[in-house]
Amino acid sequence: MNRDFLAGLFAGAFLFLLLAFLFLPAYSVSVVSSPGAEDEILSLIDSARHSIYIDMYILTSEKVVDSLVSAHYRGVDVKVILEERTGANYLAFSRLEGAGASVCWASDAYKLSHPKLIIVDSQAALVGSHNLSNSALNSNREISLLVQGNVVSALISLFDSDWAACAFP
């Protein structure tokens, strides 16, 4: 091959990689499924160093609440939005509030607030069908995606909007 062809090929490849780095979304996605997702989700929560933001329809797992309280005690900013109208979330709400974590009831602007969202350190987000209940984590067929990268910023914006609309006790 001649030198001009190789130089052009190299320049084209370099330009493609540069444009891909600058303009293509940078993210990774992995699947989390139940039964058997409890350890993986607890590990995600326990990995938090700065923040955990949760917008959840049902939070009844004592292990998850324990992990959130522990995260709060180690200095992690824990914010949890729960749906009051299910009636299932009162114990978790009370335990989190009693520990000093930030917790609120979802806005009544919607018939129900049904998200299943966990954001950790503004870097990773779990979104899908998992409630944080023993059955969802260990018995049901549930599927969620763990996403990382710049797509998380859109989920943070949604969480921030829901947090701003919260009903605080």
Protein backbone atom coordinates (compact mmCIF):
# COMPACT_ATOMS: atom_id res chain seq x y z
CA MET A 1 0.00 0.00 0.00
CA ASN A 2 1.22 3.50 -0.69
CA ARG A 3 1.97 6.06 2.01
CA ASP A 4 -0.79 8.49 1.04
CA PHE A 5 -3.42 5.78 1.33
CA LEU A 6 -2.17 4.71 4.78
CA ALA A 7 -1.95 8.31 5.98
CA GLY A 8 -5.53 8.95 4.81
CA LEU A 9 -6.75 5.76 6.45
CA PHE A 10 -5.06 6.69 9.73
CA ALA A 11 -6.42 10.26 9.61
CA GLY A 12 -9.94 8.99 8.87
CA ALA A 13 -9.84 6.50 11.73
CA PHE A 14 -8.53 9.17 14.11
CA LEU A 15 -11.27 11.61 13.06
CA PHE A 16 -13.95 8.95 13.50
CA LEU A 17 -12.73 8.08 17.02
CA LEU A 18 -12.53 11.75 17.97
CA LEU A 19 -16.08 12.44 16.77
CA ALA A 20 -17.37 9.29 18.45
CA PHE A 21 -15.77 10.34 21.73
CA LEU A 22 -17.21 13.86 21.52
CA PHE A 23 -20.69 13.24 20.16
CA LEU A 24 -21.86 9.68 20.73
CA PRO A 25 -23.52 8.90 24.05
CA ALA A 26 -21.18 7.30 26.51
CA TYR A 27 -22.94 4.73 28.64
CA SER A 28 -23.09 1.12 29.65
CA VAL A 29 -26.13 -1.00 30.36
CA SER A 30 -26.45 -4.28 32.22
CA VAL A 31 -29.48 -6.37 33.15
CA VAL A 32 -30.50 -7.04 36.76
CA SER A 33 -33.18 -9.69 37.12
CA SER A 34 -35.10 -11.46 39.85
CA PRO A 35 -35.50 -13.82 41.48
CA GLY A 36 -32.16 -13.31 43.14
CA ALA A 37 -31.42 -9.60 42.65
CA GLU A 38 -31.28 -8.71 46.34
CA ASP A 39 -27.50 -9.01 46.76
CA GLU A 40 -26.79 -7.05 43.57
CA ILE A 41 -29.12 -4.20 44.54
CA LEU A 42 -27.83 -4.11 48.12
CA SER A 43 -24.29 -3.99 46.73
CA LEU A 44 -25.26 -1.04 44.52
CA ILE A 45 -26.68 0.82 47.52
CA ASP A 46 -23.69 -0.08 49.69
CA SER A 47 -21.27 1.17 47.01
CA ALA A 48 -22.52 4.77 47.36
CA ARG A 49 -19.92 7.26 48.51
CA HIS A 50 -21.74 10.58 47.96
CA SER A 51 -25.44 10.17 47.18
CA ILE A 52 -28.33 7.76 46.83
CA TYR A 53 -31.57 9.05 45.33
CA ILE A 54 -34.53 6.69 45.27
CA ASP A 55 -37.99 7.21 43.77
CA MET A 56 -39.88 4.03 44.64
CA TYR A 57 -43.41 2.73 44.53
CA ILE A 58 -42.93 0.12 47.28
CA LEU A 59 -40.07 -0.09 49.81
CA THR A 60 -40.69 -2.83 52.36
CA SER A 61 -37.38 -4.73 52.41
CA GLU A 62 -35.80 -4.40 55.84
CA LYS A 63 -32.38 -5.17 54.36
CA VAL A 64 -32.70 -2.28 51.89
CA VAL A 65 -33.84 0.10 54.63
CA ASP A 66 -30.91 -1.05 56.81
CA SER A 67 -28.48 -0.34 53.93
CA LEU A 68 -29.98 3.11 53.38
CA VAL A 69 -29.76 3.97 57.08
CA SER A 70 -26.13 2.74 57.14
CA ALA A 71 -25.34 4.86 54.08
CA HIS A 72 -26.86 7.90 55.78
CA TYR A 73 -24.79 7.26 58.93
CA ARG A 74 -21.58 7.07 56.88
CA GLY A 75 -22.29 10.51 55.39
CA VAL A 76 -24.01 9.61 52.11
CA ASP A 77 -26.76 12.04 51.02
CA VAL A 78 -29.82 9.75 51.07
CA LYS A 79 -33.05 11.07 49.55
CA VAL A 80 -36.04 8.77 49.18
CA ILE A 81 -39.42 9.49 47.59
CA LEU A 82 -42.14 6.97 48.46
CA GLU A 83 -45.75 6.53 47.35
CA GLU A 84 -48.02 7.09 50.37
CA ARG A 85 -51.22 5.79 48.77
CA THR A 86 -50.04 2.15 48.72
CA GLY A 87 -50.09 2.01 52.52
CA ALA A 88 -47.07 -0.32 52.40
CA ASN A 89 -44.35 2.30 52.86
CA TYR A 90 -45.10 3.67 56.34
CA LEU A 91 -42.58 1.54 58.22
CA ALA A 92 -39.73 2.33 55.80
CA PHE A 93 -40.67 6.02 55.82
CA SER A 94 -40.66 6.08 59.62
CA ARG A 95 -37.32 4.26 59.93
CA LEU A 96 -35.60 6.49 57.36
CA GLU A 97 -37.03 9.69 58.84
CA GLY A 98 -36.12 8.55 62.37
CA ALA A 99 -32.52 7.94 61.29
CA GLY A 100 -32.33 11.45 59.84
CA ALA A 101 -32.34 10.52 56.16
CA SER A 102 -34.29 12.79 53.79
CA VAL A 103 -37.59 11.16 52.91
CA CYS A 104 -40.85 12.48 51.50
CA TRP A 105 -44.17 11.35 50.11
CA ALA A 106 -44.61 11.50 46.34
CA SER A 107 -46.67 14.32 44.94
CA ASP A 108 -50.37 13.71 44.55
CA ALA A 109 -50.21 15.39 41.14
CA TYR A 110 -50.30 11.86 39.68
CA LYS A 111 -52.86 9.14 40.31
CA LEU A 112 -49.91 7.11 41.59
CA SER A 113 -46.19 7.73 41.61
CA HIS A 114 -44.96 4.42 40.22
CA PRO A 115 -41.22 4.82 39.47
CA LYS A 116 -38.68 2.23 40.44
CA LEU A 117 -35.50 4.27 40.34
CA ILE A 118 -32.23 4.17 42.29
CA ILE A 119 -29.45 6.66 41.44
CA VAL A 120 -26.04 6.19 43.06
CA ASP A 121 -23.34 8.88 43.12
CA SER A 122 -24.84 10.52 39.99
CA GLN A 123 -23.00 7.83 38.02
CA ALA A 124 -25.26 4.78 37.95
CA ALA A 125 -29.01 4.28 37.92
CA LEU A 126 -31.17 1.20 38.28
CA VAL A 127 -34.50 1.61 36.51
CA GLY A 128 -37.06 -1.03 35.67
CA SER A 129 -39.69 -3.16 37.35
CA HIS A 130 -38.05 -3.79 40.73
CA ASN A 131 -39.86 -2.55 43.79
CA LEU A 132 -37.69 -2.80 46.90
CA SER A 133 -39.69 -5.58 48.52
CA ASN A 134 -38.65 -9.09 49.51
CA SER A 135 -40.86 -10.62 46.83
CA ALA A 136 -39.58 -8.35 44.05
CA LEU A 137 -35.95 -8.95 44.99
CA ASN A 138 -36.14 -12.68 45.69
CA SER A 139 -39.27 -14.33 44.26
CA ASN A 140 -40.92 -12.42 41.40
CA ARG A 141 -39.75 -12.17 37.82
CA GLU A 142 -38.48 -8.60 37.71
CA ILE A 143 -36.17 -6.98 35.16
CA SER A 144 -34.33 -3.70 35.54
CA LEU A 145 -31.46 -2.04 33.75
CA LEU A 146 -28.39 -0.69 35.48
CA VAL A 147 -27.24 2.23 33.35
CA GLN A 148 -24.04 4.20 33.71
CA GLY A 149 -22.78 7.29 31.95
CA ASN A 150 -24.31 10.47 30.62
CA VAL A 151 -27.83 9.01 30.38
CA VAL A 152 -27.99 9.17 34.21
CA SER A 153 -28.23 12.98 34.09
CA ALA A 154 -31.71 12.74 32.51
CA LEU A 155 -32.83 10.47 35.36
CA ILE A 156 -31.40 12.89 37.92
CA SER A 157 -33.47 15.68 36.34
CA LEU A 158 -36.62 13.57 36.69
CA PHE A 159 -35.77 12.76 40.31
CA ASP A 160 -35.09 16.43 41.09
CA SER A 161 -38.46 17.38 39.61
CA ASP A 162 -40.26 14.76 41.71
CA TRP A 163 -38.30 15.80 44.82
CA ALA A 164 -39.29 19.43 44.33
CA ALA A 165 -42.96 18.37 44.20
CA CYS A 166 -42.75 16.18 47.32
CA ALA A 167 -45.14 16.33 50.22
CA PHE A 168 -43.04 16.64 53.35
CA PRO A 169 -44.62 15.63 56.68
